[in-house]
Amino acid sequence: MDTNLGWRNTYRAFSRNLGWKLRMMRDYLSLNQAEAAVKFGVSEPLITQYEGGNTNVNLLYIQAIIRACGVAFDDLFLDNKEFVHKLYY
């Protein structure tokens, strides 16, 4: 049995959840992926990968988008319902 399987599954779930939150923040800012790419200085395909949880997210991108949304880095660790409430209310 692969002892790293649990860790990989946990990491994958975290990556997908972070990607979902990045998408929520982009939607909150009323930006499509192309506009977000220009605003935050990354490529549009990279934003697609970030939001899909398919690659490691650059911390500078995270810092830029949370600043633009007015949320704290710690808020990324809230459950999804709390995160949406924090973002919109």
N, C-alpha and C. Protein backbone atom coordinates (compact mmCIF):
# COMPACT_ATOMS: atom_id res chain seq x y z
N MET A 1 0.84 -1.19 0.00
CA MET A 1 0.00 0.00 0.00
C MET A 1 0.88 1.25 0.00
N ASP A 2 0.53 2.20 -0.81
CA ASP A 2 1.29 3.43 -0.93
C ASP A 2 0.97 4.35 0.25
N THR A 3 1.98 4.62 1.08
CA THR A 3 1.76 5.45 2.27
C THR A 3 1.58 6.92 1.90
N ASN A 4 1.96 7.31 0.70
CA ASN A 4 1.80 8.70 0.27
C ASN A 4 0.44 8.98 -0.36
N LEU A 5 -0.35 7.94 -0.57
CA LEU A 5 -1.64 8.11 -1.23
C LEU A 5 -2.55 9.06 -0.46
N GLY A 6 -2.61 8.91 0.85
CA GLY A 6 -3.44 9.80 1.67
C GLY A 6 -3.01 11.24 1.55
N TRP A 7 -1.72 11.47 1.58
CA TRP A 7 -1.19 12.83 1.45
C TRP A 7 -1.52 13.41 0.08
N ARG A 8 -1.35 12.61 -0.96
CA ARG A 8 -1.65 13.11 -2.31
C ARG A 8 -3.13 13.44 -2.46
N ASN A 9 -3.99 12.62 -1.90
CA ASN A 9 -5.43 12.89 -1.97
C ASN A 9 -5.79 14.17 -1.22
N THR A 10 -5.17 14.36 -0.06
CA THR A 10 -5.41 15.56 0.73
C THR A 10 -4.93 16.80 -0.02
N TYR A 11 -3.74 16.72 -0.61
CA TYR A 11 -3.17 17.84 -1.36
C TYR A 11 -4.05 18.17 -2.56
N ARG A 12 -4.52 17.14 -3.25
CA ARG A 12 -5.37 17.35 -4.43
C ARG A 12 -6.68 18.03 -4.03
N ALA A 13 -7.27 17.58 -2.92
CA ALA A 13 -8.51 18.20 -2.44
C ALA A 13 -8.27 19.66 -2.07
N PHE A 14 -7.15 19.93 -1.40
CA PHE A 14 -6.81 21.30 -1.03
C PHE A 14 -6.63 22.16 -2.29
N SER A 15 -5.92 21.63 -3.28
CA SER A 15 -5.68 22.38 -4.52
C SER A 15 -6.98 22.71 -5.23
N ARG A 16 -7.90 21.77 -5.29
CA ARG A 16 -9.19 22.02 -5.92
C ARG A 16 -10.00 23.07 -5.16
N ASN A 17 -9.96 22.97 -3.84
CA ASN A 17 -10.68 23.94 -3.02
C ASN A 17 -10.09 25.33 -3.17
N LEU A 18 -8.78 25.43 -3.19
CA LEU A 18 -8.13 26.73 -3.40
C LEU A 18 -8.50 27.26 -4.78
N GLY A 19 -8.50 26.41 -5.78
CA GLY A 19 -8.88 26.83 -7.12
C GLY A 19 -10.30 27.37 -7.16
N TRP A 20 -11.21 26.70 -6.45
CA TRP A 20 -12.60 27.18 -6.38
C TRP A 20 -12.65 28.57 -5.75
N LYS A 21 -11.89 28.78 -4.70
CA LYS A 21 -11.87 30.09 -4.03
C LYS A 21 -11.26 31.16 -4.93
N LEU A 22 -10.24 30.81 -5.69
CA LEU A 22 -9.66 31.77 -6.63
C LEU A 22 -10.71 32.16 -7.68
N ARG A 23 -11.48 31.19 -8.13
CA ARG A 23 -12.56 31.47 -9.09
C ARG A 23 -13.61 32.39 -8.46
N MET A 24 -13.98 32.13 -7.23
CA MET A 24 -14.97 32.98 -6.55
C MET A 24 -14.45 34.41 -6.43
N MET A 25 -13.17 34.56 -6.13
CA MET A 25 -12.60 35.92 -6.01
C MET A 25 -12.58 36.62 -7.37
N ARG A 26 -12.25 35.88 -8.42
CA ARG A 26 -12.25 36.48 -9.76
C ARG A 26 -13.66 36.90 -10.14
N ASP A 27 -14.65 36.04 -9.85
CA ASP A 27 -16.04 36.39 -10.11
C ASP A 27 -16.47 37.61 -9.30
N TYR A 28 -16.04 37.67 -8.06
CA TYR A 28 -16.35 38.81 -7.19
C TYR A 28 -15.85 40.12 -7.81
N LEU A 29 -14.69 40.05 -8.45
CA LEU A 29 -14.11 41.23 -9.10
C LEU A 29 -14.70 41.48 -10.49
N SER A 30 -15.65 40.63 -10.91
CA SER A 30 -16.30 40.73 -12.23
C SER A 30 -15.29 40.70 -13.38
N LEU A 31 -14.31 39.80 -13.25
CA LEU A 31 -13.30 39.64 -14.29
C LEU A 31 -13.44 38.28 -14.95
N ASN A 32 -13.31 38.25 -16.28
CA ASN A 32 -13.18 36.95 -16.92
C ASN A 32 -11.71 36.53 -16.83
N GLN A 33 -11.39 35.35 -17.29
CA GLN A 33 -10.01 34.87 -17.14
C GLN A 33 -9.02 35.74 -17.91
N ALA A 34 -9.38 36.20 -19.08
CA ALA A 34 -8.48 37.04 -19.87
C ALA A 34 -8.20 38.36 -19.15
N GLU A 35 -9.24 38.97 -18.58
CA GLU A 35 -9.07 40.23 -17.85
C GLU A 35 -8.23 40.02 -16.59
N ALA A 36 -8.47 38.93 -15.90
CA ALA A 36 -7.70 38.64 -14.69
C ALA A 36 -6.23 38.40 -15.04
N ALA A 37 -5.98 37.75 -16.17
CA ALA A 37 -4.60 37.50 -16.60
C ALA A 37 -3.85 38.82 -16.79
N VAL A 38 -4.49 39.78 -17.43
CA VAL A 38 -3.87 41.08 -17.65
C VAL A 38 -3.69 41.81 -16.31
N LYS A 39 -4.74 41.85 -15.50
CA LYS A 39 -4.70 42.59 -14.24
C LYS A 39 -3.64 42.05 -13.29
N PHE A 40 -3.48 40.72 -13.24
CA PHE A 40 -2.58 40.11 -12.27
C PHE A 40 -1.27 39.62 -12.88
N GLY A 41 -1.06 39.86 -14.16
CA GLY A 41 0.22 39.58 -14.79
C GLY A 41 0.57 38.11 -14.95
N VAL A 42 -0.44 37.29 -15.23
CA VAL A 42 -0.21 35.87 -15.50
C VAL A 42 -0.93 35.52 -16.80
N SER A 43 -0.64 34.34 -17.32
CA SER A 43 -1.30 33.94 -18.56
C SER A 43 -2.70 33.40 -18.28
N GLU A 44 -3.57 33.52 -19.26
CA GLU A 44 -4.92 32.99 -19.12
C GLU A 44 -4.93 31.48 -18.90
N PRO A 45 -4.10 30.70 -19.64
CA PRO A 45 -4.07 29.26 -19.36
C PRO A 45 -3.63 28.93 -17.93
N LEU A 46 -2.76 29.77 -17.37
CA LEU A 46 -2.32 29.53 -15.99
C LEU A 46 -3.47 29.76 -15.01
N ILE A 47 -4.29 30.77 -15.26
CA ILE A 47 -5.45 30.99 -14.41
C ILE A 47 -6.39 29.79 -14.49
N THR A 48 -6.57 29.24 -15.68
CA THR A 48 -7.39 28.04 -15.83
C THR A 48 -6.83 26.90 -15.00
N GLN A 49 -5.52 26.73 -15.03
CA GLN A 49 -4.89 25.67 -14.24
C GLN A 49 -5.03 25.94 -12.75
N TYR A 50 -4.81 27.18 -12.32
CA TYR A 50 -4.98 27.54 -10.91
C TYR A 50 -6.39 27.20 -10.43
N GLU A 51 -7.38 27.67 -11.19
CA GLU A 51 -8.76 27.50 -10.77
C GLU A 51 -9.21 26.04 -10.83
N GLY A 52 -8.57 25.25 -11.64
CA GLY A 52 -8.88 23.83 -11.72
C GLY A 52 -8.14 23.00 -10.70
N GLY A 53 -7.24 23.65 -9.94
CA GLY A 53 -6.45 22.93 -8.96
C GLY A 53 -5.41 22.02 -9.61
N ASN A 54 -5.00 22.38 -10.82
CA ASN A 54 -4.12 21.51 -11.59
C ASN A 54 -2.65 21.87 -11.52
N THR A 55 -2.31 22.91 -10.81
CA THR A 55 -0.91 23.31 -10.68
C THR A 55 -0.72 24.08 -9.38
N ASN A 56 0.51 24.19 -8.94
CA ASN A 56 0.80 24.98 -7.75
C ASN A 56 0.55 26.45 -8.07
N VAL A 57 -0.09 27.14 -7.16
CA VAL A 57 -0.43 28.54 -7.37
C VAL A 57 0.70 29.42 -6.87
N ASN A 58 1.07 30.39 -7.68
CA ASN A 58 2.10 31.35 -7.31
C ASN A 58 1.57 32.23 -6.16
N LEU A 59 2.34 32.35 -5.11
CA LEU A 59 1.90 33.15 -3.96
C LEU A 59 1.71 34.62 -4.30
N LEU A 60 2.46 35.13 -5.27
CA LEU A 60 2.28 36.53 -5.67
C LEU A 60 0.89 36.73 -6.30
N TYR A 61 0.42 35.73 -7.04
CA TYR A 61 -0.93 35.80 -7.61
C TYR A 61 -1.97 35.78 -6.48
N ILE A 62 -1.79 34.88 -5.53
CA ILE A 62 -2.72 34.82 -4.40
C ILE A 62 -2.73 36.16 -3.66
N GLN A 63 -1.56 36.70 -3.40
CA GLN A 63 -1.46 37.97 -2.68
C GLN A 63 -2.18 39.08 -3.44
N ALA A 64 -1.99 39.14 -4.75
CA ALA A 64 -2.61 40.20 -5.55
C ALA A 64 -4.13 40.08 -5.56
N ILE A 65 -4.65 38.88 -5.72
CA ILE A 65 -6.11 38.73 -5.83
C ILE A 65 -6.79 38.90 -4.47
N ILE A 66 -6.16 38.46 -3.38
CA ILE A 66 -6.81 38.67 -2.08
C ILE A 66 -6.79 40.14 -1.70
N ARG A 67 -5.74 40.84 -2.07
CA ARG A 67 -5.71 42.29 -1.81
C ARG A 67 -6.81 42.99 -2.59
N ALA A 68 -6.97 42.62 -3.85
CA ALA A 68 -8.00 43.24 -4.69
C ALA A 68 -9.40 42.98 -4.14
N CYS A 69 -9.58 41.83 -3.49
CA CYS A 69 -10.89 41.46 -2.93
C CYS A 69 -11.08 41.93 -1.50
N GLY A 70 -10.01 42.34 -0.85
CA GLY A 70 -10.11 42.81 0.52
C GLY A 70 -10.29 41.70 1.55
N VAL A 71 -9.80 40.50 1.23
CA VAL A 71 -9.84 39.41 2.19
C VAL A 71 -8.42 39.13 2.67
N ALA A 72 -8.31 38.39 3.74
CA ALA A 72 -7.01 38.04 4.31
C ALA A 72 -6.57 36.67 3.83
N PHE A 73 -5.28 36.44 3.84
CA PHE A 73 -4.75 35.14 3.45
C PHE A 73 -5.38 34.03 4.27
N ASP A 74 -5.56 34.27 5.56
CA ASP A 74 -6.17 33.26 6.44
C ASP A 74 -7.57 32.86 6.00
N ASP A 75 -8.27 33.77 5.33
CA ASP A 75 -9.62 33.47 4.88
C ASP A 75 -9.66 32.32 3.88
N LEU A 76 -8.55 32.06 3.21
CA LEU A 76 -8.50 30.95 2.25
C LEU A 76 -8.67 29.61 2.93
N PHE A 77 -8.50 29.57 4.25
CA PHE A 77 -8.62 28.32 4.99
C PHE A 77 -9.99 28.13 5.64
N LEU A 78 -10.89 29.08 5.41
CA LEU A 78 -12.27 28.94 5.88
C LEU A 78 -12.97 27.90 5.03
N ASP A 79 -14.04 27.31 5.56
CA ASP A 79 -14.81 26.42 4.70
C ASP A 79 -15.50 27.28 3.64
N ASN A 80 -15.98 26.66 2.59
CA ASN A 80 -16.48 27.40 1.43
C ASN A 80 -17.62 28.34 1.76
N LYS A 81 -18.55 27.91 2.59
CA LYS A 81 -19.69 28.76 2.95
C LYS A 81 -19.22 30.00 3.70
N GLU A 82 -18.33 29.82 4.65
CA GLU A 82 -17.80 30.97 5.41
C GLU A 82 -17.01 31.90 4.49
N PHE A 83 -16.26 31.31 3.56
CA PHE A 83 -15.46 32.11 2.64
C PHE A 83 -16.35 33.01 1.78
N VAL A 84 -17.39 32.43 1.21
CA VAL A 84 -18.30 33.22 0.36
C VAL A 84 -18.95 34.33 1.18
N HIS A 85 -19.36 34.01 2.41
CA HIS A 85 -19.95 35.03 3.28
C HIS A 85 -18.96 36.15 3.54
N LYS A 86 -17.72 35.81 3.83
CA LYS A 86 -16.68 36.80 4.10
C LYS A 86 -16.44 37.66 2.85
N LEU A 87 -16.46 37.05 1.69
CA LEU A 87 -16.18 37.74 0.44
C LEU A 87 -17.29 38.72 0.07
N TYR A 88 -18.54 38.29 0.21
CA TYR A 88 -19.65 39.10 -0.29
C TYR A 88 -20.35 39.94 0.77
N TYR A 89 -20.12 39.65 2.05
CA TYR A 89 -20.90 40.38 3.08
C TYR A 89 -20.05 41.08 4.05
